[in-house]
Amino acid sequence: MARENPRWGYIRIQGELRKLGIRVGATTIRRILLKEGLGPAPRRSGPSWSEFLRAQAHGILACDFFTVETAFLKTLYVLFFIEIGSRRLRVTPSTRKPGWGIRHSAGTESLFRAG
């Protein structure tokens, strides 16, 4: 079943077997498939997760949000992005009012397009 239907996972195979009157646990199905060299669905073949990330790195952004305390005891809120492929940082303007960035998020889009 797993070879003929590569998108079926352990639970789906268990359900199909149950329709045929065969009762078997998902863990047993998992163990049998691993013994036969079939990994979990839906990717029993194709690139690994790290290969996929390397291939897509140019289009992936990671972000972080943190606060900075100033010498005058003010709190600044900072949101920054990193382009995974080039490792370039994109820092948005820091603010003392974090709600501003949410209400005016369209204004930060130009930061991503800037070269």
PDB file of N, CA and C in Angstrom:
ATOM      1  N   MET A   1       0.812  -1.195   0.000  1.00  0.00           N
ATOM      2  CA  MET A   1       0.000   0.000   0.000  1.00  0.00           C
ATOM      3  C   MET A   1       0.855   1.259   0.000  1.00  0.00           C
ATOM      4  N   ALA A   2       1.910   1.260   0.794  1.00  0.00           N
ATOM      5  CA  ALA A   2       2.752   2.450   0.912  1.00  0.00           C
ATOM      6  C   ALA A   2       3.496   2.738  -0.384  1.00  0.00           C
ATOM      7  N   ARG A   3       3.924   1.702  -1.073  1.00  0.00           N
ATOM      8  CA  ARG A   3       4.627   1.907  -2.354  1.00  0.00           C
ATOM      9  C   ARG A   3       3.674   2.424  -3.429  1.00  0.00           C
ATOM     10  N   GLU A   4       2.468   1.913  -3.450  1.00  0.00           N
ATOM     11  CA  GLU A   4       1.484   2.324  -4.454  1.00  0.00           C
ATOM     12  C   GLU A   4       0.879   3.693  -4.146  1.00  0.00           C
ATOM     13  N   ASN A   5       0.883   4.088  -2.883  1.00  0.00           N
ATOM     14  CA  ASN A   5       0.296   5.359  -2.448  1.00  0.00           C
ATOM     15  C   ASN A   5       1.309   6.096  -1.569  1.00  0.00           C
ATOM     16  N   PRO A   6       2.311   6.731  -2.163  1.00  0.00           N
ATOM     17  CA  PRO A   6       3.399   7.316  -1.378  1.00  0.00           C
ATOM     18  C   PRO A   6       2.972   8.445  -0.447  1.00  0.00           C
ATOM     19  N   ARG A   7       1.802   9.016  -0.640  1.00  0.00           N
ATOM     20  CA  ARG A   7       1.343  10.086   0.245  1.00  0.00           C
ATOM     21  C   ARG A   7       0.612   9.564   1.483  1.00  0.00           C
ATOM     22  N   TRP A   8       0.342   8.276   1.533  1.00  0.00           N
ATOM     23  CA  TRP A   8      -0.359   7.714   2.669  1.00  0.00           C
ATOM     24  C   TRP A   8       0.600   7.524   3.833  1.00  0.00           C
ATOM     25  N   GLY A   9       0.198   7.987   4.998  1.00  0.00           N
ATOM     26  CA  GLY A   9       0.970   7.794   6.218  1.00  0.00           C
ATOM     27  C   GLY A   9       0.505   6.554   6.962  1.00  0.00           C
ATOM     28  N   TYR A  10       1.067   6.366   8.134  1.00  0.00           N
ATOM     29  CA  TYR A  10       0.759   5.178   8.931  1.00  0.00           C
ATOM     30  C   TYR A  10      -0.727   5.115   9.299  1.00  0.00           C
ATOM     31  N   ILE A  11      -1.281   6.243   9.689  1.00  0.00           N
ATOM     32  CA  ILE A  11      -2.676   6.268  10.123  1.00  0.00           C
ATOM     33  C   ILE A  11      -3.609   5.977   8.945  1.00  0.00           C
ATOM     34  N   ARG A  12      -3.307   6.541   7.782  1.00  0.00           N
ATOM     35  CA  ARG A  12      -4.149   6.298   6.601  1.00  0.00           C
ATOM     36  C   ARG A  12      -4.118   4.820   6.219  1.00  0.00           C
ATOM     37  N   ILE A  13      -2.929   4.225   6.240  1.00  0.00           N
ATOM     38  CA  ILE A  13      -2.814   2.799   5.927  1.00  0.00           C
ATOM     39  C   ILE A  13      -3.588   1.977   6.949  1.00  0.00           C
ATOM     40  N   GLN A  14      -3.483   2.377   8.219  1.00  0.00           N
ATOM     41  CA  GLN A  14      -4.233   1.677   9.272  1.00  0.00           C
ATOM     42  C   GLN A  14      -5.731   1.758   8.993  1.00  0.00           C
ATOM     43  N   GLY A  15      -6.224   2.918   8.579  1.00  0.00           N
ATOM     44  CA  GLY A  15      -7.647   3.075   8.271  1.00  0.00           C
ATOM     45  C   GLY A  15      -8.088   2.230   7.090  1.00  0.00           C
ATOM     46  N   GLU A  16      -7.246   2.178   6.054  1.00  0.00           N
ATOM     47  CA  GLU A  16      -7.583   1.371   4.882  1.00  0.00           C
ATOM     48  C   GLU A  16      -7.602  -0.117   5.222  1.00  0.00           C
ATOM     49  N   LEU A  17      -6.665  -0.548   6.041  1.00  0.00           N
ATOM     50  CA  LEU A  17      -6.650  -1.955   6.461  1.00  0.00           C
ATOM     51  C   LEU A  17      -7.869  -2.273   7.314  1.00  0.00           C
ATOM     52  N   ARG A  18      -8.272  -1.329   8.141  1.00  0.00           N
ATOM     53  CA  ARG A  18      -9.455  -1.537   8.982  1.00  0.00           C
ATOM     54  C   ARG A  18     -10.704  -1.717   8.115  1.00  0.00           C
ATOM     55  N   LYS A  19     -10.788  -0.971   6.996  1.00  0.00           N
ATOM     56  CA  LYS A  19     -11.919  -1.139   6.073  1.00  0.00           C
ATOM     57  C   LYS A  19     -11.957  -2.547   5.489  1.00  0.00           C
ATOM     58  N   LEU A  20     -10.783  -3.165   5.370  1.00  0.00           N
ATOM     59  CA  LEU A  20     -10.697  -4.537   4.856  1.00  0.00           C
ATOM     60  C   LEU A  20     -10.882  -5.572   5.958  1.00  0.00           C
ATOM     61  N   GLY A  21     -11.101  -5.110   7.194  1.00  0.00           N
ATOM     62  CA  GLY A  21     -11.313  -6.019   8.313  1.00  0.00           C
ATOM     63  C   GLY A  21     -10.024  -6.451   8.997  1.00  0.00           C
ATOM     64  N   ILE A  22      -8.915  -5.792   8.682  1.00  0.00           N
ATOM     65  CA  ILE A  22      -7.627  -6.132   9.285  1.00  0.00           C
ATOM     66  C   ILE A  22      -7.309  -5.078  10.339  1.00  0.00           C
ATOM     67  N   ARG A  23      -7.169  -5.529  11.586  1.00  0.00           N
ATOM     68  CA  ARG A  23      -6.854  -4.600  12.670  1.00  0.00           C
ATOM     69  C   ARG A  23      -5.377  -4.707  13.008  1.00  0.00           C
ATOM     70  N   VAL A  24      -4.689  -3.576  12.868  1.00  0.00           N
ATOM     71  CA  VAL A  24      -3.265  -3.519  13.180  1.00  0.00           C
ATOM     72  C   VAL A  24      -2.954  -2.097  13.651  1.00  0.00           C
ATOM     73  N   GLY A  25      -2.027  -1.990  14.575  1.00  0.00           N
ATOM     74  CA  GLY A  25      -1.684  -0.689  15.133  1.00  0.00           C
ATOM     75  C   GLY A  25      -0.792   0.135  14.204  1.00  0.00           C
ATOM     76  N   ALA A  26      -0.883   1.458  14.338  1.00  0.00           N
ATOM     77  CA  ALA A  26      -0.066   2.354  13.521  1.00  0.00           C
ATOM     78  C   ALA A  26       1.424   2.154  13.812  1.00  0.00           C
ATOM     79  N   THR A  27       1.767   1.839  15.047  1.00  0.00           N
ATOM     80  CA  THR A  27       3.169   1.602  15.396  1.00  0.00           C
ATOM     81  C   THR A  27       3.700   0.359  14.684  1.00  0.00           C
ATOM     82  N   THR A  28       2.876  -0.657  14.577  1.00  0.00           N
ATOM     83  CA  THR A  28       3.274  -1.869  13.856  1.00  0.00           C
ATOM     84  C   THR A  28       3.488  -1.564  12.384  1.00  0.00           C
ATOM     85  N   ILE A  29       2.597  -0.787  11.807  1.00  0.00           N
ATOM     86  CA  ILE A  29       2.743  -0.395  10.400  1.00  0.00           C
ATOM     87  C   ILE A  29       4.031   0.403  10.224  1.00  0.00           C
ATOM     88  N   ARG A  30       4.290   1.308  11.124  1.00  0.00           N
ATOM     89  CA  ARG A  30       5.513   2.111  11.066  1.00  0.00           C
ATOM     90  C   ARG A  30       6.748   1.213  11.086  1.00  0.00           C
ATOM     91  N   ARG A  31       6.761   0.269  12.004  1.00  0.00           N
ATOM     92  CA  ARG A  31       7.903  -0.637  12.141  1.00  0.00           C
ATOM     93  C   ARG A  31       8.113  -1.460  10.870  1.00  0.00           C
ATOM     94  N   ILE A  32       7.017  -1.945  10.278  1.00  0.00           N
ATOM     95  CA  ILE A  32       7.115  -2.736   9.040  1.00  0.00           C
ATOM     96  C   ILE A  32       7.640  -1.878   7.891  1.00  0.00           C
ATOM     97  N   LEU A  33       7.115  -0.668   7.750  1.00  0.00           N
ATOM     98  CA  LEU A  33       7.548   0.208   6.664  1.00  0.00           C
ATOM     99  C   LEU A  33       9.023   0.585   6.807  1.00  0.00           C
ATOM    100  N   LEU A  34       9.458   0.872   8.023  1.00  0.00           N
ATOM    101  CA  LEU A  34      10.872   1.197   8.237  1.00  0.00           C
ATOM    102  C   LEU A  34      11.766   0.001   7.927  1.00  0.00           C
ATOM    103  N   LYS A  35      11.298  -1.200   8.272  1.00  0.00           N
ATOM    104  CA  LYS A  35      12.058  -2.417   7.965  1.00  0.00           C
ATOM    105  C   LYS A  35      12.199  -2.608   6.456  1.00  0.00           C
ATOM    106  N   GLU A  36      11.180  -2.194   5.703  1.00  0.00           N
ATOM    107  CA  GLU A  36      11.201  -2.294   4.243  1.00  0.00           C
ATOM    108  C   GLU A  36      11.882  -1.100   3.582  1.00  0.00           C
ATOM    109  N   GLY A  37      12.393  -0.176   4.397  1.00  0.00           N
ATOM    110  CA  GLY A  37      13.099   0.988   3.847  1.00  0.00           C
ATOM    111  C   GLY A  37      12.192   2.110   3.398  1.00  0.00           C
ATOM    112  N   LEU A  38      10.967   2.139   3.887  1.00  0.00           N
ATOM    113  CA  LEU A  38      10.022   3.204   3.536  1.00  0.00           C
ATOM    114  C   LEU A  38       9.856   4.132   4.734  1.00  0.00           C
ATOM    115  N   GLY A  39      10.223   5.393   4.557  1.00  0.00           N
ATOM    116  CA  GLY A  39      10.097   6.366   5.641  1.00  0.00           C
ATOM    117  C   GLY A  39       8.681   6.891   5.756  1.00  0.00           C
ATOM    118  N   PRO A  40       8.505   7.897   6.604  1.00  0.00           N
ATOM    119  CA  PRO A  40       7.172   8.468   6.789  1.00  0.00           C
ATOM    120  C   PRO A  40       6.686   9.208   5.551  1.00  0.00           C
ATOM    121  N   ALA A  41       5.381   9.267   5.376  1.00  0.00           N
ATOM    122  CA  ALA A  41       4.773   9.996   4.251  1.00  0.00           C
ATOM    123  C   ALA A  41       4.811  11.481   4.578  1.00  0.00           C
ATOM    124  N   PRO A  42       4.708  12.378   3.647  1.00  0.00           N
ATOM    125  CA  PRO A  42       4.518  12.132   2.235  1.00  0.00           C
ATOM    126  C   PRO A  42       5.814  12.008   1.461  1.00  0.00           C
ATOM    127  N   ARG A  43       6.968  12.164   2.097  1.00  0.00           N
ATOM    128  CA  ARG A  43       8.232  12.140   1.362  1.00  0.00           C
ATOM    129  C   ARG A  43       8.991  10.858   1.652  1.00  0.00           C
ATOM    130  N   ARG A  44       8.734   9.861   0.859  1.00  0.00           N
ATOM    131  CA  ARG A  44       9.520   8.639   0.993  1.00  0.00           C
ATOM    132  C   ARG A  44      10.712   8.680   0.054  1.00  0.00           C
ATOM    133  N   SER A  45      10.706   9.665  -0.844  1.00  0.00           N
ATOM    134  CA  SER A  45      11.839   9.880  -1.724  1.00  0.00           C
ATOM    135  C   SER A  45      11.960  11.381  -1.938  1.00  0.00           C
ATOM    136  N   GLY A  46      13.034  11.819  -2.516  1.00  0.00           N
ATOM    137  CA  GLY A  46      13.220  13.242  -2.757  1.00  0.00           C
ATOM    138  C   GLY A  46      14.253  13.829  -1.815  1.00  0.00           C
ATOM    139  N   PRO A  47      14.370  15.142  -1.826  1.00  0.00           N
ATOM    140  CA  PRO A  47      15.423  15.784  -1.037  1.00  0.00           C
ATOM    141  C   PRO A  47      15.166  15.694   0.464  1.00  0.00           C
ATOM    142  N   SER A  48      16.254  15.702   1.220  1.00  0.00           N
ATOM    143  CA  SER A  48      16.131  15.745   2.671  1.00  0.00           C
ATOM    144  C   SER A  48      15.760  17.168   3.078  1.00  0.00           C
ATOM    145  N   TRP A  49      15.464  17.352   4.357  1.00  0.00           N
ATOM    146  CA  TRP A  49      15.080  18.677   4.839  1.00  0.00           C
ATOM    147  C   TRP A  49      16.214  19.676   4.643  1.00  0.00           C
ATOM    148  N   SER A  50      17.445  19.297   4.942  1.00  0.00           N
ATOM    149  CA  SER A  50      18.567  20.225   4.776  1.00  0.00           C
ATOM    150  C   SER A  50      18.809  20.543   3.305  1.00  0.00           C
ATOM    151  N   GLU A  51      18.638  19.569   2.413  1.00  0.00           N
ATOM    152  CA  GLU A  51      18.779  19.823   0.979  1.00  0.00           C
ATOM    153  C   GLU A  51      17.695  20.779   0.493  1.00  0.00           C
ATOM    154  N   PHE A  52      16.487  20.598   0.984  1.00  0.00           N
ATOM    155  CA  PHE A  52      15.392  21.498   0.620  1.00  0.00           C
ATOM    156  C   PHE A  52      15.683  22.925   1.068  1.00  0.00           C
ATOM    157  N   LEU A  53      16.143  23.086   2.316  1.00  0.00           N
ATOM    158  CA  LEU A  53      16.436  24.423   2.829  1.00  0.00           C
ATOM    159  C   LEU A  53      17.555  25.095   2.044  1.00  0.00           C
ATOM    160  N   ARG A  54      18.587  24.345   1.690  1.00  0.00           N
ATOM    161  CA  ARG A  54      19.672  24.928   0.893  1.00  0.00           C
ATOM    162  C   ARG A  54      19.162  25.379  -0.473  1.00  0.00           C
ATOM    163  N   ALA A  55      18.286  24.598  -1.069  1.00  0.00           N
ATOM    164  CA  ALA A  55      17.758  24.942  -2.388  1.00  0.00           C
ATOM    165  C   ALA A  55      16.835  26.155  -2.324  1.00  0.00           C
ATOM    166  N   GLN A  56      16.160  26.364  -1.197  1.00  0.00           N
ATOM    167  CA  GLN A  56      15.200  27.457  -1.066  1.00  0.00           C
ATOM    168  C   GLN A  56      15.733  28.642  -0.269  1.00  0.00           C
ATOM    169  N   ALA A  57      16.992  28.617   0.119  1.00  0.00           N
ATOM    170  CA  ALA A  57      17.540  29.629   1.027  1.00  0.00           C
ATOM    171  C   ALA A  57      17.395  31.047   0.497  1.00  0.00           C
ATOM    172  N   HIS A  58      17.475  31.235  -0.803  1.00  0.00           N
ATOM    173  CA  HIS A  58      17.398  32.589  -1.359  1.00  0.00           C
ATOM    174  C   HIS A  58      16.030  33.226  -1.129  1.00  0.00           C
ATOM    175  N   GLY A  59      15.014  32.447  -0.868  1.00  0.00           N
ATOM    176  CA  GLY A  59      13.667  32.981  -0.683  1.00  0.00           C
ATOM    177  C   GLY A  59      13.163  32.914   0.743  1.00  0.00           C
ATOM    178  N   ILE A  60      14.015  32.549   1.702  1.00  0.00           N
ATOM    179  CA  ILE A  60      13.580  32.381   3.085  1.00  0.00           C
ATOM    180  C   ILE A  60      14.088  33.534   3.939  1.00  0.00           C
ATOM    181  N   LEU A  61      13.203  34.107   4.746  1.00  0.00           N
ATOM    182  CA  LEU A  61      13.553  35.136   5.717  1.00  0.00           C
ATOM    183  C   LEU A  61      13.314  34.588   7.121  1.00  0.00           C
ATOM    184  N   ALA A  62      14.197  34.904   8.028  1.00  0.00           N
ATOM    185  CA  ALA A  62      13.974  34.617   9.441  1.00  0.00           C
ATOM    186  C   ALA A  62      13.862  35.960  10.144  1.00  0.00           C
ATOM    187  N   CYS A  63      13.136  36.011  11.249  1.00  0.00           N
ATOM    188  CA  CYS A  63      12.978  37.295  11.932  1.00  0.00           C
ATOM    189  C   CYS A  63      13.084  37.115  13.437  1.00  0.00           C
ATOM    190  N   ASP A  64      13.318  38.236  14.099  1.00  0.00           N
ATOM    191  CA  ASP A  64      13.374  38.251  15.554  1.00  0.00           C
ATOM    192  C   ASP A  64      12.867  39.600  16.028  1.00  0.00           C
ATOM    193  N   PHE A  65      12.317  39.619  17.201  1.00  0.00           N
ATOM    194  CA  PHE A  65      11.788  40.827  17.821  1.00  0.00           C
ATOM    195  C   PHE A  65      12.378  40.889  19.220  1.00  0.00           C
ATOM    196  N   PHE A  66      12.979  42.015  19.580  1.00  0.00           N
ATOM    197  CA  PHE A  66      13.563  42.136  20.911  1.00  0.00           C
ATOM    198  C   PHE A  66      13.476  43.575  21.377  1.00  0.00           C
ATOM    199  N   THR A  67      13.806  43.789  22.656  1.00  0.00           N
ATOM    200  CA  THR A  67      13.795  45.130  23.231  1.00  0.00           C
ATOM    201  C   THR A  67      15.203  45.523  23.638  1.00  0.00           C
ATOM    202  N   VAL A  68      15.446  46.834  23.640  1.00  0.00           N
ATOM    203  CA  VAL A  68      16.732  47.383  24.065  1.00  0.00           C
ATOM    204  C   VAL A  68      16.448  48.472  25.088  1.00  0.00           C
ATOM    205  N   GLU A  69      17.115  48.399  26.215  1.00  0.00           N
ATOM    206  CA  GLU A  69      16.988  49.438  27.237  1.00  0.00           C
ATOM    207  C   GLU A  69      18.062  50.490  26.986  1.00  0.00           C
ATOM    208  N   THR A  70      17.674  51.751  26.901  1.00  0.00           N
ATOM    209  CA  THR A  70      18.636  52.823  26.645  1.00  0.00           C
ATOM    210  C   THR A  70      19.244  53.313  27.955  1.00  0.00           C
ATOM    211  N   ALA A  71      20.238  54.184  27.840  1.00  0.00           N
ATOM    212  CA  ALA A  71      20.884  54.762  29.022  1.00  0.00           C
ATOM    213  C   ALA A  71      19.918  55.647  29.805  1.00  0.00           C
ATOM    214  N   PHE A  72      18.873  56.146  29.124  1.00  0.00           N
ATOM    215  CA  PHE A  72      17.883  57.007  29.779  1.00  0.00           C
ATOM    216  C   PHE A  72      16.654  56.226  30.245  1.00  0.00           C
ATOM    217  N   LEU A  73      16.821  54.892  30.388  1.00  0.00           N
ATOM    218  CA  LEU A  73      15.790  53.983  30.876  1.00  0.00           C
ATOM    219  C   LEU A  73      14.535  53.982  30.004  1.00  0.00           C
ATOM    220  N   LYS A  74      14.713  54.157  28.727  1.00  0.00           N
ATOM    221  CA  LYS A  74      13.627  54.018  27.766  1.00  0.00           C
ATOM    222  C   LYS A  74      13.747  52.641  27.120  1.00  0.00           C
ATOM    223  N   THR A  75      12.630  52.061  26.749  1.00  0.00           N
ATOM    224  CA  THR A  75      12.621  50.767  26.080  1.00  0.00           C
ATOM    225  C   THR A  75      12.361  50.974  24.597  1.00  0.00           C
ATOM    226  N   LEU A  76      13.247  50.453  23.769  1.00  0.00           N
ATOM    227  CA  LEU A  76      13.065  50.493  22.326  1.00  0.00           C
ATOM    228  C   LEU A  76      12.734  49.086  21.855  1.00  0.00           C
ATOM    229  N   TYR A  77      11.830  48.981  20.908  1.00  0.00           N
ATOM    230  CA  TYR A  77      11.412  47.701  20.342  1.00  0.00           C
ATOM    231  C   TYR A  77      12.016  47.570  18.952  1.00  0.00           C
ATOM    232  N   VAL A  78      12.697  46.461  18.706  1.00  0.00           N
ATOM    233  CA  VAL A  78      13.412  46.272  17.447  1.00  0.00           C
ATOM    234  C   VAL A  78      12.915  44.986  16.774  1.00  0.00           C
ATOM    235  N   LEU A  79      12.631  45.103  15.495  1.00  0.00           N
ATOM    236  CA  LEU A  79      12.257  43.956  14.676  1.00  0.00           C
ATOM    237  C   LEU A  79      13.269  43.875  13.546  1.00  0.00           C
ATOM    238  N   PHE A  80      13.912  42.710  13.393  1.00  0.00           N
ATOM    239  CA  PHE A  80      14.867  42.583  12.299  1.00  0.00           C
ATOM    240  C   PHE A  80      14.663  41.270  11.570  1.00  0.00           C
ATOM    241  N   PHE A  81      15.123  41.256  10.323  1.00  0.00           N
ATOM    242  CA  PHE A  81      15.000  40.092   9.451  1.00  0.00           C
ATOM    243  C   PHE A  81      16.380  39.741   8.915  1.00  0.00           C
ATOM    244  N   ILE A  82      16.599  38.456   8.634  1.00  0.00           N
ATOM    245  CA  ILE A  82      17.827  38.026   7.995  1.00  0.00           C
ATOM    246  C   ILE A  82      17.443  37.185   6.775  1.00  0.00           C
ATOM    247  N   GLU A  83      18.072  37.494   5.653  1.00  0.00           N
ATOM    248  CA  GLU A  83      17.881  36.699   4.452  1.00  0.00           C
ATOM    249  C   GLU A  83      18.789  35.481   4.576  1.00  0.00           C
ATOM    250  N   ILE A  84      18.232  34.304   4.594  1.00  0.00           N
ATOM    251  CA  ILE A  84      19.002  33.090   4.850  1.00  0.00           C
ATOM    252  C   ILE A  84      20.061  32.862   3.776  1.00  0.00           C
ATOM    253  N   GLY A  85      19.723  33.080   2.514  1.00  0.00           N
ATOM    254  CA  GLY A  85      20.663  32.818   1.422  1.00  0.00           C
ATOM    255  C   GLY A  85      21.878  33.719   1.442  1.00  0.00           C
ATOM    256  N   SER A  86      21.668  35.021   1.651  1.00  0.00           N
ATOM    257  CA  SER A  86      22.781  35.975   1.609  1.00  0.00           C
ATOM    258  C   SER A  86      23.276  36.364   2.999  1.00  0.00           C
ATOM    259  N   ARG A  87      22.510  36.022   4.022  1.00  0.00           N
ATOM    260  CA  ARG A  87      22.798  36.378   5.418  1.00  0.00           C
ATOM    261  C   ARG A  87      22.857  37.896   5.627  1.00  0.00           C
ATOM    262  N   ARG A  88      22.101  38.618   4.821  1.00  0.00           N
ATOM    263  CA  ARG A  88      22.000  40.069   4.976  1.00  0.00           C
ATOM    264  C   ARG A  88      20.927  40.388   5.993  1.00  0.00           C
ATOM    265  N   LEU A  89      21.226  41.333   6.885  1.00  0.00           N
ATOM    266  CA  LEU A  89      20.269  41.765   7.898  1.00  0.00           C
ATOM    267  C   LEU A  89      19.431  42.909   7.365  1.00  0.00           C
ATOM    268  N   ARG A  90      18.169  42.900   7.724  1.00  0.00           N
ATOM    269  CA  ARG A  90      17.253  44.002   7.427  1.00  0.00           C
ATOM    270  C   ARG A  90      16.655  44.422   8.762  1.00  0.00           C
ATOM    271  N   VAL A  91      17.044  45.589   9.240  1.00  0.00           N
ATOM    272  CA  VAL A  91      16.555  46.078  10.524  1.00  0.00           C
ATOM    273  C   VAL A  91      15.496  47.134  10.259  1.00  0.00           C
ATOM    274  N   THR A  92      14.354  46.966  10.880  1.00  0.00           N
ATOM    275  CA  THR A  92      13.295  47.966  10.755  1.00  0.00           C
ATOM    276  C   THR A  92      13.581  49.073  11.761  1.00  0.00           C
ATOM    277  N   PRO A  93      13.005  50.252  11.582  1.00  0.00           N
ATOM    278  CA  PRO A  93      13.231  51.338  12.545  1.00  0.00           C
ATOM    279  C   PRO A  93      12.771  50.923  13.938  1.00  0.00           C
ATOM    280  N   SER A  94      13.563  51.222  14.950  1.00  0.00           N
ATOM    281  CA  SER A  94      13.155  50.912  16.319  1.00  0.00           C
ATOM    282  C   SER A  94      12.167  51.979  16.778  1.00  0.00           C
ATOM    283  N   THR A  95      11.351  51.613  17.730  1.00  0.00           N
ATOM    284  CA  THR A  95      10.308  52.523  18.199  1.00  0.00           C
ATOM    285  C   THR A  95      10.075  52.331  19.683  1.00  0.00           C
ATOM    286  N   ARG A  96       9.528  53.360  20.318  1.00  0.00           N
ATOM    287  CA  ARG A  96       9.132  53.238  21.717  1.00  0.00           C
ATOM    288  C   ARG A  96       7.687  52.780  21.824  1.00  0.00           C
ATOM    289  N   LYS A  97       6.982  52.738  20.681  1.00  0.00           N
ATOM    290  CA  LYS A  97       5.580  52.338  20.657  1.00  0.00           C
ATOM    291  C   LYS A  97       5.430  51.136  19.715  1.00  0.00           C
ATOM    292  N   PRO A  98       5.445  49.909  20.239  1.00  0.00           N
ATOM    293  CA  PRO A  98       5.416  48.739  19.360  1.00  0.00           C
ATOM    294  C   PRO A  98       4.150  48.629  18.536  1.00  0.00           C
ATOM    295  N   GLY A  99       3.039  49.205  18.959  1.00  0.00           N
ATOM    296  CA  GLY A  99       1.807  49.151  18.185  1.00  0.00           C
ATOM    297  C   GLY A  99       1.924  49.898  16.871  1.00  0.00           C
ATOM    298  N   TRP A 100       2.832  50.866  16.779  1.00  0.00           N
ATOM    299  CA  TRP A 100       3.023  51.657  15.560  1.00  0.00           C
ATOM    300  C   TRP A 100       3.395  50.760  14.397  1.00  0.00           C
ATOM    301  N   GLY A 101       4.317  49.844  14.601  1.00  0.00           N
ATOM    302  CA  GLY A 101       4.760  48.969  13.519  1.00  0.00           C
ATOM    303  C   GLY A 101       3.658  48.059  13.011  1.00  0.00           C
ATOM    304  N   ILE A 102       2.751  47.695  13.885  1.00  0.00           N
ATOM    305  CA  ILE A 102       1.660  46.809  13.482  1.00  0.00           C
ATOM    306  C   ILE A 102       0.641  47.583  12.659  1.00  0.00           C
ATOM    307  N   ARG A 103       0.287  48.785  13.091  1.00  0.00           N
ATOM    308  CA  ARG A 103      -0.715  49.572  12.370  1.00  0.00           C
ATOM    309  C   ARG A 103      -0.186  50.104  11.051  1.00  0.00           C
ATOM    310  N   HIS A 104       1.120  50.308  10.965  1.00  0.00           N
ATOM    311  CA  HIS A 104       1.715  50.886   9.765  1.00  0.00           C
ATOM    312  C   HIS A 104       2.700  49.927   9.114  1.00  0.00           C
ATOM    313  N   SER A 105       2.369  48.637   9.090  1.00  0.00           N
ATOM    314  CA  SER A 105       3.301  47.637   8.569  1.00  0.00           C
ATOM    315  C   SER A 105       3.598  47.836   7.087  1.00  0.00           C
ATOM    316  N   ALA A 106       2.714  48.490   6.336  1.00  0.00           N
ATOM    317  CA  ALA A 106       2.966  48.697   4.908  1.00  0.00           C
ATOM    318  C   ALA A 106       4.197  49.579   4.707  1.00  0.00           C
ATOM    319  N   GLY A 107       4.494  50.442   5.667  1.00  0.00           N
ATOM    320  CA  GLY A 107       5.661  51.318   5.555  1.00  0.00           C
ATOM    321  C   GLY A 107       6.979  50.577   5.660  1.00  0.00           C
ATOM    322  N   THR A 108       6.986  49.396   6.258  1.00  0.00           N
ATOM    323  CA  THR A 108       8.241  48.656   6.408  1.00  0.00           C
ATOM    324  C   THR A 108       8.570  47.828   5.177  1.00  0.00           C
ATOM    325  N   GLU A 109       7.624  47.657   4.257  1.00  0.00           N
ATOM    326  CA  GLU A 109       7.881  46.831   3.082  1.00  0.00           C
ATOM    327  C   GLU A 109       9.038  47.374   2.247  1.00  0.00           C
ATOM    328  N   SER A 110       9.201  48.684   2.216  1.00  0.00           N
ATOM    329  CA  SER A 110      10.278  49.265   1.412  1.00  0.00           C
ATOM    330  C   SER A 110      11.652  48.859   1.941  1.00  0.00           C
ATOM    331  N   LEU A 111      11.729  48.505   3.225  1.00  0.00           N
ATOM    332  CA  LEU A 111      13.004  48.069   3.779  1.00  0.00           C
ATOM    333  C   LEU A 111      13.454  46.757   3.173  1.00  0.00           C
ATOM    334  N   PHE A 112      12.523  45.892   2.800  1.00  0.00           N
ATOM    335  CA  PHE A 112      12.879  44.609   2.240  1.00  0.00           C
ATOM    336  C   PHE A 112      13.307  44.742   0.786  1.00  0.00           C
ATOM    337  N   ARG A 113      12.746  45.714   0.101  1.00  0.00           N
ATOM    338  CA  ARG A 113      13.048  45.878  -1.315  1.00  0.00           C
ATOM    339  C   ARG A 113      14.322  46.677  -1.538  1.00  0.00           C
ATOM    340  N   ALA A 114      14.742  47.384  -0.514  1.00  0.00           N
ATOM    341  CA  ALA A 114      15.947  48.204  -0.687  1.00  0.00           C
ATOM    342  C   ALA A 114      17.149  47.314  -0.894  1.00  0.00           C
ATOM    343  N   GLY A 115      17.997  47.674  -1.825  1.00  0.00           N
ATOM    344  CA  GLY A 115      19.162  46.852  -2.141  1.00  0.00           C
ATOM    345  C   GLY A 115      20.316  47.247  -1.334  1.00  0.00           C
TER     346      GLY A 115
END
